[in-house]
Amino acid sequence: MATVRRRKISISLLIPFAIVAMVFGALIWKKMQASREPHPVPQVHQPDVARKGVLFFVADGTRLAREARELPSCTDTESCVKDLLDELFSGPLGDLKEALPEGAILAGVRLEGNLAVVDVTKAFATDLPVGSSAEMLAVYSIIDTVCFNFPQIARVRITVEGAATNLNHLDLSDPLPPDYSLERETISTDNAAPVIPPAPAAKKGHP
């Protein structure tokens, strides 16, 4: 009887130790598994990087001139061109004057290879001041701004509410290359991009 009692006491003592050992074993196993799993890399927020652009406005009422502008980051060329022209249509920040009619609004931008199609509202054509000089400054304000900032774009077609049009003195039915000869002679600003040689003269309509 004493032997049986001693066995019962031994078993009753071993059970708690066995339970404790199992608990510790499970904890150690979980810790080893966790150490083997790759820890997720914390996501670091990258702030949007501003980019610089050059816009063409009017100086002295007769010539185009450049104004440097900081622009928000963009994801593709088409949206970048649209953001750039949105700034142009919003007007200058400095002493330069706006080349575009006040009521003109950018309706859309579409890229076709090295051609940019810039669609504007009807006010672009109807609200322009009378005269060939005002027409040329408005048209090449858009074209030079696009082509200067995006050298891969060689020509720009300006449409009015989706349709090709002619102004009183300029034929806009065909795409036009930039014409940097419309700038004033002295260009010296720290923020502006370097001057590039004038492009060949654009095709213009007859007065």
C-alpha atoms as a PDB file:
ATOM      1  CA  MET A   1       0.000   0.000   0.000  1.00  0.00           C
ATOM      2  CA  ALA A   2       2.899   2.353   0.772  1.00  0.00           C
ATOM      3  CA  THR A   3       4.375   1.780  -2.681  1.00  0.00           C
ATOM      4  CA  VAL A   4       1.097   2.650  -4.381  1.00  0.00           C
ATOM      5  CA  ARG A   5       0.800   5.792  -2.262  1.00  0.00           C
ATOM      6  CA  ARG A   6       4.343   6.898  -3.178  1.00  0.00           C
ATOM      7  CA  ARG A   7       3.576   6.414  -6.883  1.00  0.00           C
ATOM      8  CA  LYS A   8       0.441   8.527  -6.588  1.00  0.00           C
ATOM      9  CA  ILE A   9       2.442  11.289  -4.864  1.00  0.00           C
ATOM     10  CA  SER A  10       5.164  11.147  -7.532  1.00  0.00           C
ATOM     11  CA  ILE A  11       2.641  11.383 -10.367  1.00  0.00           C
ATOM     12  CA  SER A  12       0.815  14.245  -8.656  1.00  0.00           C
ATOM     13  CA  LEU A  13       4.115  16.124  -8.382  1.00  0.00           C
ATOM     14  CA  LEU A  14       5.121  15.472 -11.969  1.00  0.00           C
ATOM     15  CA  ILE A  15       1.876  16.733 -13.486  1.00  0.00           C
ATOM     16  CA  PRO A  16       2.430  20.438 -12.564  1.00  0.00           C
ATOM     17  CA  PHE A  17       6.031  20.283 -13.830  1.00  0.00           C
ATOM     18  CA  ALA A  18       4.839  18.723 -17.067  1.00  0.00           C
ATOM     19  CA  ILE A  19       2.248  21.457 -17.541  1.00  0.00           C
ATOM     20  CA  VAL A  20       4.805  24.199 -16.846  1.00  0.00           C
ATOM     21  CA  ALA A  21       7.256  22.574 -19.273  1.00  0.00           C
ATOM     22  CA  MET A  22       4.586  22.409 -22.005  1.00  0.00           C
ATOM     23  CA  VAL A  23       3.686  26.063 -21.497  1.00  0.00           C
ATOM     24  CA  PHE A  24       7.302  27.195 -21.683  1.00  0.00           C
ATOM     25  CA  GLY A  25       7.881  24.955 -24.680  1.00  0.00           C
ATOM     26  CA  ALA A  26       4.942  26.482 -26.517  1.00  0.00           C
ATOM     27  CA  LEU A  27       6.143  30.009 -25.743  1.00  0.00           C
ATOM     28  CA  ILE A  28       9.650  29.230 -26.951  1.00  0.00           C
ATOM     29  CA  TRP A  29       8.281  27.648 -30.157  1.00  0.00           C
ATOM     30  CA  LYS A  30       6.131  30.716 -30.898  1.00  0.00           C
ATOM     31  CA  LYS A  31       9.091  33.005 -30.320  1.00  0.00           C
ATOM     32  CA  MET A  32      11.253  30.994 -32.740  1.00  0.00           C
ATOM     33  CA  GLN A  33       8.525  31.069 -35.383  1.00  0.00           C
ATOM     34  CA  ALA A  34       8.110  34.810 -35.003  1.00  0.00           C
ATOM     35  CA  SER A  35      11.861  35.365 -35.401  1.00  0.00           C
ATOM     36  CA  ARG A  36      11.818  33.454 -38.694  1.00  0.00           C
ATOM     37  CA  GLU A  37       9.033  35.519 -40.215  1.00  0.00           C
ATOM     38  CA  PRO A  38      10.207  38.606 -42.186  1.00  0.00           C
ATOM     39  CA  HIS A  39       9.312  41.836 -40.459  1.00  0.00           C
ATOM     40  CA  PRO A  40       7.393  44.331 -42.621  1.00  0.00           C
ATOM     41  CA  VAL A  41       9.462  47.311 -43.733  1.00  0.00           C
ATOM     42  CA  PRO A  42       7.906  50.518 -42.436  1.00  0.00           C
ATOM     43  CA  GLN A  43       6.539  52.692 -45.232  1.00  0.00           C
ATOM     44  CA  VAL A  44       8.348  56.003 -45.434  1.00  0.00           C
ATOM     45  CA  HIS A  45       6.247  58.767 -46.940  1.00  0.00           C
ATOM     46  CA  GLN A  46       8.110  60.466 -49.745  1.00  0.00           C
ATOM     47  CA  PRO A  47       7.067  64.103 -50.082  1.00  0.00           C
ATOM     48  CA  ASP A  48       6.005  65.289 -53.519  1.00  0.00           C
ATOM     49  CA  VAL A  49       8.956  66.787 -55.349  1.00  0.00           C
ATOM     50  CA  ALA A  50       8.166  70.097 -56.996  1.00  0.00           C
ATOM     51  CA  ARG A  51       9.348  70.612 -60.551  1.00  0.00           C
ATOM     52  CA  LYS A  52      10.175  73.834 -62.312  1.00  0.00           C
ATOM     53  CA  GLY A  53       8.567  75.077 -65.480  1.00  0.00           C
ATOM     54  CA  VAL A  54       8.912  78.079 -67.731  1.00  0.00           C
ATOM     55  CA  LEU A  55       5.806  79.972 -68.857  1.00  0.00           C
ATOM     56  CA  PHE A  56       5.630  82.498 -71.686  1.00  0.00           C
ATOM     57  CA  PHE A  57       3.774  85.729 -70.968  1.00  0.00           C
ATOM     58  CA  VAL A  58       3.872  89.212 -72.514  1.00  0.00           C
ATOM     59  CA  ALA A  59       6.393  91.964 -71.820  1.00  0.00           C
ATOM     60  CA  ASP A  60       5.866  95.566 -72.939  1.00  0.00           C
ATOM     61  CA  GLY A  61       2.768  94.515 -74.856  1.00  0.00           C
ATOM     62  CA  THR A  62       4.784  93.422 -77.860  1.00  0.00           C
ATOM     63  CA  ARG A  63       7.062  90.499 -76.984  1.00  0.00           C
ATOM     64  CA  LEU A  64       6.950  87.195 -75.143  1.00  0.00           C
ATOM     65  CA  ALA A  65       8.990  86.783 -71.963  1.00  0.00           C
ATOM     66  CA  ARG A  66       9.662  83.907 -69.606  1.00  0.00           C
ATOM     67  CA  GLU A  67       8.497  83.430 -66.045  1.00  0.00           C
ATOM     68  CA  ALA A  68       9.787  80.528 -63.954  1.00  0.00           C
ATOM     69  CA  ARG A  69       7.163  78.658 -61.978  1.00  0.00           C
ATOM     70  CA  GLU A  70       7.226  75.795 -59.463  1.00  0.00           C
ATOM     71  CA  LEU A  71       4.800  73.048 -60.407  1.00  0.00           C
ATOM     72  CA  PRO A  72       3.423  70.066 -58.504  1.00  0.00           C
ATOM     73  CA  SER A  73       4.712  66.597 -59.271  1.00  0.00           C
ATOM     74  CA  CYS A  74       2.847  64.637 -61.944  1.00  0.00           C
ATOM     75  CA  THR A  75       2.632  61.032 -63.080  1.00  0.00           C
ATOM     76  CA  ASP A  76       2.656  61.159 -66.896  1.00  0.00           C
ATOM     77  CA  THR A  77       3.520  63.569 -69.687  1.00  0.00           C
ATOM     78  CA  GLU A  78      -0.081  64.358 -70.623  1.00  0.00           C
ATOM     79  CA  SER A  79      -1.044  65.370 -67.095  1.00  0.00           C
ATOM     80  CA  CYS A  80       2.239  67.291 -66.770  1.00  0.00           C
ATOM     81  CA  VAL A  81       1.430  69.323 -69.885  1.00  0.00           C
ATOM     82  CA  LYS A  82      -2.068  70.025 -68.594  1.00  0.00           C
ATOM     83  CA  ASP A  83      -0.762  71.170 -65.202  1.00  0.00           C
ATOM     84  CA  LEU A  84       1.720  73.438 -66.960  1.00  0.00           C
ATOM     85  CA  LEU A  85      -0.957  75.023 -69.165  1.00  0.00           C
ATOM     86  CA  ASP A  86      -3.303  75.416 -66.203  1.00  0.00           C
ATOM     87  CA  GLU A  87      -0.625  77.646 -64.693  1.00  0.00           C
ATOM     88  CA  LEU A  88      -0.286  79.557 -67.955  1.00  0.00           C
ATOM     89  CA  PHE A  89      -4.035  80.141 -68.185  1.00  0.00           C
ATOM     90  CA  SER A  90      -4.123  81.311 -64.556  1.00  0.00           C
ATOM     91  CA  GLY A  91      -1.857  84.232 -65.483  1.00  0.00           C
ATOM     92  CA  PRO A  92       1.541  85.622 -64.447  1.00  0.00           C
ATOM     93  CA  LEU A  93       2.697  86.118 -60.853  1.00  0.00           C
ATOM     94  CA  GLY A  94       5.216  88.861 -61.570  1.00  0.00           C
ATOM     95  CA  ASP A  95       5.282  92.004 -63.688  1.00  0.00           C
ATOM     96  CA  LEU A  96       4.523  90.313 -67.003  1.00  0.00           C
ATOM     97  CA  LYS A  97       1.120  90.503 -68.676  1.00  0.00           C
ATOM     98  CA  GLU A  98      -1.199  87.715 -69.723  1.00  0.00           C
ATOM     99  CA  ALA A  99      -1.224  86.844 -73.423  1.00  0.00           C
ATOM    100  CA  LEU A 100      -4.485  84.914 -73.300  1.00  0.00           C
ATOM    101  CA  PRO A 101      -7.997  86.419 -73.109  1.00  0.00           C
ATOM    102  CA  GLU A 102      -9.332  86.566 -69.572  1.00  0.00           C
ATOM    103  CA  GLY A 103     -12.321  84.364 -70.375  1.00  0.00           C
ATOM    104  CA  ALA A 104     -10.322  81.650 -72.140  1.00  0.00           C
ATOM    105  CA  ILE A 105     -10.213  78.300 -70.348  1.00  0.00           C
ATOM    106  CA  LEU A 106      -8.126  75.211 -71.039  1.00  0.00           C
ATOM    107  CA  ALA A 107     -10.565  72.453 -72.012  1.00  0.00           C
ATOM    108  CA  GLY A 108      -8.132  69.571 -72.408  1.00  0.00           C
ATOM    109  CA  VAL A 109      -4.780  68.235 -73.594  1.00  0.00           C
ATOM    110  CA  ARG A 110      -4.108  65.187 -75.740  1.00  0.00           C
ATOM    111  CA  LEU A 111      -0.766  63.825 -76.920  1.00  0.00           C
ATOM    112  CA  GLU A 112      -0.309  62.062 -80.251  1.00  0.00           C
ATOM    113  CA  GLY A 113       3.326  61.085 -80.548  1.00  0.00           C
ATOM    114  CA  ASN A 114       5.361  64.299 -80.801  1.00  0.00           C
ATOM    115  CA  LEU A 115       2.186  66.351 -81.305  1.00  0.00           C
ATOM    116  CA  ALA A 116       0.203  68.012 -78.514  1.00  0.00           C
ATOM    117  CA  VAL A 117      -3.436  68.892 -79.136  1.00  0.00           C
ATOM    118  CA  VAL A 118      -4.509  71.747 -76.857  1.00  0.00           C
ATOM    119  CA  ASP A 119      -8.242  72.375 -76.730  1.00  0.00           C
ATOM    120  CA  VAL A 120      -9.526  75.748 -75.510  1.00  0.00           C
ATOM    121  CA  THR A 121     -12.930  77.317 -75.028  1.00  0.00           C
ATOM    122  CA  LYS A 122     -14.556  79.638 -77.554  1.00  0.00           C
ATOM    123  CA  ALA A 123     -13.521  82.745 -75.626  1.00  0.00           C
ATOM    124  CA  PHE A 124      -9.935  82.162 -76.774  1.00  0.00           C
ATOM    125  CA  ALA A 125     -10.974  83.113 -80.314  1.00  0.00           C
ATOM    126  CA  THR A 126     -13.778  85.589 -79.627  1.00  0.00           C
ATOM    127  CA  ASP A 127     -12.219  87.639 -76.800  1.00  0.00           C
ATOM    128  CA  LEU A 128      -8.785  88.221 -78.300  1.00  0.00           C
ATOM    129  CA  PRO A 129      -7.913  91.885 -78.917  1.00  0.00           C
ATOM    130  CA  VAL A 130      -8.065  92.928 -82.562  1.00  0.00           C
ATOM    131  CA  GLY A 131      -4.812  92.610 -84.471  1.00  0.00           C
ATOM    132  CA  SER A 132      -2.303  90.049 -85.665  1.00  0.00           C
ATOM    133  CA  SER A 133       0.165  90.847 -82.856  1.00  0.00           C
ATOM    134  CA  ALA A 134      -2.310  89.899 -80.112  1.00  0.00           C
ATOM    135  CA  GLU A 135      -3.180  86.678 -81.931  1.00  0.00           C
ATOM    136  CA  MET A 136       0.461  85.663 -82.351  1.00  0.00           C
ATOM    137  CA  LEU A 137       1.313  86.409 -78.721  1.00  0.00           C
ATOM    138  CA  ALA A 138      -1.652  84.350 -77.484  1.00  0.00           C
ATOM    139  CA  VAL A 139      -1.022  81.401 -79.789  1.00  0.00           C
ATOM    140  CA  TYR A 140       2.735  81.207 -79.243  1.00  0.00           C
ATOM    141  CA  SER A 141       2.363  81.763 -75.530  1.00  0.00           C
ATOM    142  CA  ILE A 142       0.755  78.320 -75.531  1.00  0.00           C
ATOM    143  CA  ILE A 143       2.967  76.669 -78.145  1.00  0.00           C
ATOM    144  CA  ASP A 144       6.298  77.940 -76.803  1.00  0.00           C
ATOM    145  CA  THR A 145       5.341  77.021 -73.232  1.00  0.00           C
ATOM    146  CA  VAL A 146       4.545  73.434 -74.227  1.00  0.00           C
ATOM    147  CA  CYS A 147       7.503  72.837 -76.549  1.00  0.00           C
ATOM    148  CA  PHE A 148      10.095  74.559 -74.388  1.00  0.00           C
ATOM    149  CA  ASN A 149       9.269  72.480 -71.310  1.00  0.00           C
ATOM    150  CA  PHE A 150       8.749  69.251 -73.276  1.00  0.00           C
ATOM    151  CA  PRO A 151      11.360  69.080 -76.064  1.00  0.00           C
ATOM    152  CA  GLN A 152       9.926  65.755 -77.230  1.00  0.00           C
ATOM    153  CA  ILE A 153       6.833  67.677 -78.387  1.00  0.00           C
ATOM    154  CA  ALA A 154       7.682  69.247 -81.730  1.00  0.00           C
ATOM    155  CA  ARG A 155       4.339  70.767 -82.716  1.00  0.00           C
ATOM    156  CA  VAL A 156       1.118  71.937 -81.123  1.00  0.00           C
ATOM    157  CA  ARG A 157      -2.367  72.021 -82.601  1.00  0.00           C
ATOM    158  CA  ILE A 158      -4.767  74.447 -80.946  1.00  0.00           C
ATOM    159  CA  THR A 159      -8.444  73.570 -81.292  1.00  0.00           C
ATOM    160  CA  VAL A 160     -11.463  75.542 -80.124  1.00  0.00           C
ATOM    161  CA  GLU A 161     -14.027  73.372 -78.370  1.00  0.00           C
ATOM    162  CA  GLY A 162     -12.744  70.323 -80.207  1.00  0.00           C
ATOM    163  CA  ALA A 163     -12.719  71.786 -83.706  1.00  0.00           C
ATOM    164  CA  ALA A 164      -9.969  73.206 -85.897  1.00  0.00           C
ATOM    165  CA  THR A 165     -10.292  76.932 -86.374  1.00  0.00           C
ATOM    166  CA  ASN A 166      -8.737  80.011 -87.940  1.00  0.00           C
ATOM    167  CA  LEU A 167      -8.246  83.337 -86.262  1.00  0.00           C
ATOM    168  CA  ASN A 168      -8.454  86.549 -88.238  1.00  0.00           C
ATOM    169  CA  HIS A 169      -4.742  86.535 -88.991  1.00  0.00           C
ATOM    170  CA  LEU A 170      -3.524  83.063 -88.075  1.00  0.00           C
ATOM    171  CA  ASP A 171      -4.331  79.678 -89.571  1.00  0.00           C
ATOM    172  CA  LEU A 172      -4.710  77.146 -86.740  1.00  0.00           C
ATOM    173  CA  SER A 173      -5.940  74.275 -88.896  1.00  0.00           C
ATOM    174  CA  ASP A 174      -2.446  72.711 -88.966  1.00  0.00           C
ATOM    175  CA  PRO A 175      -0.074  72.005 -86.072  1.00  0.00           C
ATOM    176  CA  LEU A 176       2.534  74.719 -85.470  1.00  0.00           C
ATOM    177  CA  PRO A 177       6.121  74.462 -84.171  1.00  0.00           C
ATOM    178  CA  PRO A 178       7.414  76.884 -81.536  1.00  0.00           C
ATOM    179  CA  ASP A 179       8.755  80.325 -82.477  1.00  0.00           C
ATOM    180  CA  TYR A 180      11.143  81.671 -79.862  1.00  0.00           C
ATOM    181  CA  SER A 181      11.984  84.720 -81.990  1.00  0.00           C
ATOM    182  CA  LEU A 182       8.901  86.366 -80.451  1.00  0.00           C
ATOM    183  CA  GLU A 183      10.775  86.815 -77.162  1.00  0.00           C
ATOM    184  CA  ARG A 184      12.279  90.090 -76.086  1.00  0.00           C
ATOM    185  CA  GLU A 185      16.002  90.262 -76.754  1.00  0.00           C
ATOM    186  CA  THR A 186      17.242  90.444 -73.147  1.00  0.00           C
ATOM    187  CA  ILE A 187      16.508  87.314 -71.112  1.00  0.00           C
ATOM    188  CA  SER A 188      18.377  87.249 -67.831  1.00  0.00           C
ATOM    189  CA  THR A 189      16.686  85.640 -64.849  1.00  0.00           C
ATOM    190  CA  ASP A 190      18.248  83.291 -62.315  1.00  0.00           C
ATOM    191  CA  ASN A 191      15.280  80.914 -62.351  1.00  0.00           C
ATOM    192  CA  ALA A 192      14.536  80.812 -66.045  1.00  0.00           C
ATOM    193  CA  ALA A 193      15.820  77.966 -68.172  1.00  0.00           C
ATOM    194  CA  PRO A 194      18.658  78.614 -70.674  1.00  0.00           C
ATOM    195  CA  VAL A 195      17.819  80.261 -73.949  1.00  0.00           C
ATOM    196  CA  ILE A 196      17.717  77.907 -76.911  1.00  0.00           C
ATOM    197  CA  PRO A 197      18.136  78.838 -80.572  1.00  0.00           C
ATOM    198  CA  PRO A 198      15.014  80.035 -82.399  1.00  0.00           C
ATOM    199  CA  ALA A 199      13.007  77.353 -84.180  1.00  0.00           C
ATOM    200  CA  PRO A 200      12.114  77.703 -87.875  1.00  0.00           C
ATOM    201  CA  ALA A 201       9.360  80.209 -88.542  1.00  0.00           C
ATOM    202  CA  ALA A 202       5.875  78.764 -88.114  1.00  0.00           C
ATOM    203  CA  LYS A 203       3.275  78.600 -90.844  1.00  0.00           C
ATOM    204  CA  LYS A 204       1.039  81.586 -90.437  1.00  0.00           C
ATOM    205  CA  GLY A 205      -2.145  82.657 -92.149  1.00  0.00           C
ATOM    206  CA  HIS A 206      -2.478  85.667 -94.383  1.00  0.00           C
ATOM    207  CA  PRO A 207      -3.822  88.935 -92.932  1.00  0.00           C
END
